[in-house]
C-alpha cells in the first residue's frame, strides 16, 4: 500500500527513459506518478466511450487543513 492509500503498481521502464521522463515531467510541473495516472484515465475513458460505456465518475479529493487544537501557546 502506498502512503496515499491506493495500491502501488510495478512498472518496468529502462533507466534512461525514466530519467528523461522525469525531466519532461519537471518541465511540465507535475510528478511522474500524477502524469501516468492522468494518461491511464484518459485512455480508459476513450476506451469506455468506444465501447459505448458511460465514463466513470470523477473522484473528488478534498484536502482539508488540520484543525488547530485551540491553544495559543
N, C-alpha and C. Protein backbone atom coordinates (compact mmCIF):
# COMPACT_ATOMS: atom_id res chain seq x y z
N UNK A 1 0.86 -1.18 0.00
CA UNK A 1 0.00 0.00 0.00
C UNK A 1 0.90 1.23 0.00
N UNK A 2 0.49 2.23 -0.73
CA UNK A 2 1.26 3.46 -0.78
C UNK A 2 0.83 4.40 0.34
N UNK A 3 1.53 5.49 0.46
CA UNK A 3 1.20 6.45 1.50
C UNK A 3 -0.10 7.19 1.21
N UNK A 4 -0.57 7.16 -0.03
CA UNK A 4 -1.80 7.85 -0.40
C UNK A 4 -3.03 6.96 -0.23
N UNK A 5 -2.83 5.72 0.20
CA UNK A 5 -3.97 4.83 0.43
C UNK A 5 -4.40 4.02 -0.78
N UNK A 6 -3.70 4.12 -1.88
CA UNK A 6 -4.02 3.33 -3.06
C UNK A 6 -2.95 2.27 -3.24
N UNK A 7 -3.31 1.14 -3.85
CA UNK A 7 -2.29 0.12 -4.05
C UNK A 7 -1.23 0.59 -5.02
N UNK A 8 0.01 0.20 -4.77
CA UNK A 8 1.10 0.53 -5.66
C UNK A 8 1.11 -0.42 -6.85
N UNK A 9 1.70 -0.02 -7.94
CA UNK A 9 1.81 -0.84 -9.14
C UNK A 9 3.28 -0.87 -9.55
N UNK A 10 3.71 -1.98 -10.10
CA UNK A 10 5.07 -2.10 -10.58
C UNK A 10 5.06 -1.88 -12.08
N UNK A 11 5.88 -0.95 -12.53
CA UNK A 11 6.03 -0.66 -13.96
C UNK A 11 7.52 -0.71 -14.26
N UNK A 12 7.89 -1.45 -15.27
CA UNK A 12 9.31 -1.58 -15.62
C UNK A 12 9.63 -0.68 -16.81
N UNK A 13 10.52 0.28 -16.56
CA UNK A 13 10.94 1.23 -17.59
C UNK A 13 12.45 1.38 -17.47
N UNK A 14 13.13 1.39 -18.61
CA UNK A 14 14.58 1.49 -18.55
C UNK A 14 15.02 2.81 -17.92
N UNK A 15 16.22 2.80 -17.34
CA UNK A 15 16.72 3.95 -16.57
C UNK A 15 16.80 5.24 -17.38
N UNK A 16 17.29 5.14 -18.63
CA UNK A 16 17.44 6.34 -19.45
C UNK A 16 16.08 6.99 -19.75
N UNK A 17 15.12 6.18 -20.13
CA UNK A 17 13.77 6.70 -20.41
C UNK A 17 13.15 7.28 -19.15
N UNK A 18 13.33 6.61 -18.02
CA UNK A 18 12.76 7.09 -16.75
C UNK A 18 13.36 8.44 -16.36
N UNK A 19 14.67 8.59 -16.54
CA UNK A 19 15.33 9.85 -16.20
C UNK A 19 14.83 10.97 -17.11
N UNK A 20 14.74 10.71 -18.42
CA UNK A 20 14.25 11.73 -19.34
C UNK A 20 12.78 12.05 -19.09
N UNK A 21 12.00 11.05 -18.72
CA UNK A 21 10.60 11.28 -18.37
C UNK A 21 10.52 12.16 -17.13
N UNK A 22 11.43 11.97 -16.21
CA UNK A 22 11.48 12.82 -15.01
C UNK A 22 11.75 14.27 -15.39
N UNK A 23 12.67 14.49 -16.32
CA UNK A 23 12.95 15.85 -16.79
C UNK A 23 11.73 16.46 -17.47
N UNK A 24 11.08 15.67 -18.32
CA UNK A 24 9.89 16.12 -19.01
C UNK A 24 8.81 16.54 -18.01
N UNK A 25 8.56 15.69 -17.02
CA UNK A 25 7.53 15.99 -16.02
C UNK A 25 7.90 17.20 -15.18
N UNK A 26 9.19 17.34 -14.88
CA UNK A 26 9.63 18.51 -14.12
C UNK A 26 9.35 19.79 -14.90
N UNK A 27 9.61 19.76 -16.20
CA UNK A 27 9.32 20.92 -17.04
C UNK A 27 7.82 21.21 -17.10
N UNK A 28 7.01 20.14 -17.06
CA UNK A 28 5.55 20.31 -17.05
C UNK A 28 5.04 20.73 -15.67
N UNK A 29 5.89 20.58 -14.66
CA UNK A 29 5.50 20.93 -13.30
C UNK A 29 4.57 19.92 -12.66
N UNK A 30 4.78 18.65 -12.99
CA UNK A 30 3.91 17.59 -12.46
C UNK A 30 4.76 16.38 -12.11
N UNK A 31 4.32 15.63 -11.13
CA UNK A 31 5.02 14.41 -10.73
C UNK A 31 4.79 13.32 -11.78
N UNK A 32 5.79 12.46 -11.93
CA UNK A 32 5.64 11.36 -12.89
C UNK A 32 4.41 10.52 -12.60
N UNK A 33 4.19 10.20 -11.33
CA UNK A 33 3.05 9.36 -10.97
C UNK A 33 1.73 10.01 -11.36
N UNK A 34 1.60 11.31 -11.13
CA UNK A 34 0.37 12.02 -11.49
C UNK A 34 0.18 12.02 -13.01
N UNK A 35 1.27 12.22 -13.75
CA UNK A 35 1.19 12.23 -15.21
C UNK A 35 0.77 10.87 -15.74
N UNK A 36 1.33 9.82 -15.17
CA UNK A 36 0.96 8.46 -15.59
C UNK A 36 -0.50 8.19 -15.27
N UNK A 37 -0.95 8.57 -14.08
CA UNK A 37 -2.37 8.36 -13.72
C UNK A 37 -3.29 9.09 -14.69
N UNK A 38 -2.96 10.35 -15.02
CA UNK A 38 -3.81 11.11 -15.94
C UNK A 38 -3.86 10.44 -17.32
N UNK A 39 -2.73 9.94 -17.78
CA UNK A 39 -2.68 9.26 -19.07
C UNK A 39 -3.58 8.02 -19.05
N UNK A 40 -3.46 7.22 -18.01
CA UNK A 40 -4.24 5.99 -17.91
C UNK A 40 -5.74 6.32 -17.87
N UNK A 41 -6.12 7.33 -17.11
CA UNK A 41 -7.54 7.72 -17.04
C UNK A 41 -8.04 8.15 -18.41
N UNK A 42 -7.26 8.96 -19.13
CA UNK A 42 -7.66 9.39 -20.50
C UNK A 42 -7.85 8.18 -21.40
N UNK A 43 -6.92 7.24 -21.37
CA UNK A 43 -7.01 6.06 -22.22
C UNK A 43 -8.23 5.20 -21.87
N UNK A 44 -8.46 5.01 -20.59
CA UNK A 44 -9.61 4.19 -20.17
C UNK A 44 -10.92 4.89 -20.56
N UNK A 45 -11.00 6.20 -20.37
CA UNK A 45 -12.21 6.93 -20.76
C UNK A 45 -12.45 6.83 -22.26
N UNK A 46 -11.40 6.93 -23.07
CA UNK A 46 -11.55 6.79 -24.52
C UNK A 46 -12.02 5.39 -24.88
N UNK A 47 -11.47 4.39 -24.22
CA UNK A 47 -11.87 3.00 -24.47
C UNK A 47 -13.32 2.79 -24.07
N UNK A 48 -13.71 3.31 -22.90
CA UNK A 48 -15.09 3.16 -22.45
C UNK A 48 -16.05 3.82 -23.44
N UNK A 49 -15.68 4.99 -23.95
CA UNK A 49 -16.51 5.69 -24.92
C UNK A 49 -16.67 4.85 -26.19
N UNK A 50 -15.57 4.27 -26.66
CA UNK A 50 -15.61 3.43 -27.86
C UNK A 50 -16.46 2.18 -27.65
N UNK A 51 -16.53 1.72 -26.40
CA UNK A 51 -17.33 0.54 -26.07
C UNK A 51 -18.79 0.89 -25.83
N UNK A 52 -19.10 2.18 -25.86
CA UNK A 52 -20.48 2.61 -25.58
C UNK A 52 -20.80 2.62 -24.10
N UNK A 53 -19.78 2.68 -23.27
CA UNK A 53 -19.98 2.69 -21.81
C UNK A 53 -19.93 4.12 -21.29
N UNK A 54 -20.62 4.35 -20.21
CA UNK A 54 -20.59 5.66 -19.55
C UNK A 54 -19.19 5.89 -18.98
N UNK A 55 -18.71 7.14 -19.03
CA UNK A 55 -17.43 7.41 -18.37
C UNK A 55 -17.57 7.25 -16.87
N UNK A 56 -16.50 6.86 -16.24
CA UNK A 56 -16.53 6.73 -14.78
C UNK A 56 -16.69 8.09 -14.15
N UNK A 57 -17.34 8.10 -13.01
CA UNK A 57 -17.49 9.35 -12.28
C UNK A 57 -16.14 9.74 -11.70
N UNK A 58 -15.87 11.03 -11.75
CA UNK A 58 -14.61 11.53 -11.19
C UNK A 58 -14.64 11.43 -9.68
N UNK A 59 -13.51 11.06 -9.13
CA UNK A 59 -13.36 11.06 -7.68
C UNK A 59 -12.83 12.42 -7.28
N UNK A 60 -13.50 13.06 -6.37
CA UNK A 60 -13.08 14.38 -5.91
C UNK A 60 -12.34 14.22 -4.60
N UNK A 61 -11.14 14.75 -4.56
CA UNK A 61 -10.33 14.69 -3.34
C UNK A 61 -10.33 16.08 -2.73
N UNK A 62 -10.78 16.16 -1.49
CA UNK A 62 -10.80 17.44 -0.80
C UNK A 62 -9.73 17.39 0.27
N UNK A 63 -8.80 18.30 0.17
CA UNK A 63 -7.74 18.38 1.18
C UNK A 63 -8.13 19.43 2.19
N UNK A 64 -8.19 19.03 3.42
CA UNK A 64 -8.61 19.93 4.47
C UNK A 64 -7.42 20.29 5.35
N UNK A 65 -7.41 21.52 5.81
CA UNK A 65 -6.36 21.92 6.74
C UNK A 65 -6.65 21.28 8.09
N UNK A 66 -5.59 20.96 8.80
CA UNK A 66 -5.77 20.38 10.12
C UNK A 66 -6.36 21.44 11.04
N UNK A 67 -7.31 21.02 11.84
CA UNK A 67 -7.93 21.95 12.78
C UNK A 67 -6.93 22.27 13.89
N UNK A 68 -6.90 23.50 14.30
CA UNK A 68 -6.00 23.85 15.40
C UNK A 68 -6.57 23.28 16.69
N UNK A 69 -5.68 23.06 17.64
CA UNK A 69 -6.13 22.47 18.90
C UNK A 69 -6.70 23.52 19.86
N UNK A 70 -6.72 24.76 19.43
CA UNK A 70 -7.33 25.81 20.25
C UNK A 70 -6.38 26.46 21.25
N UNK A 71 -5.17 25.93 21.38
CA UNK A 71 -4.24 26.53 22.34
C UNK A 71 -3.46 27.65 21.67
N UNK A 72 -3.20 28.70 22.40
CA UNK A 72 -2.45 29.85 21.90
C UNK A 72 -1.15 29.98 22.66
N UNK A 73 -0.32 28.92 22.63
CA UNK A 73 0.95 28.94 23.38
C UNK A 73 1.90 29.94 22.86
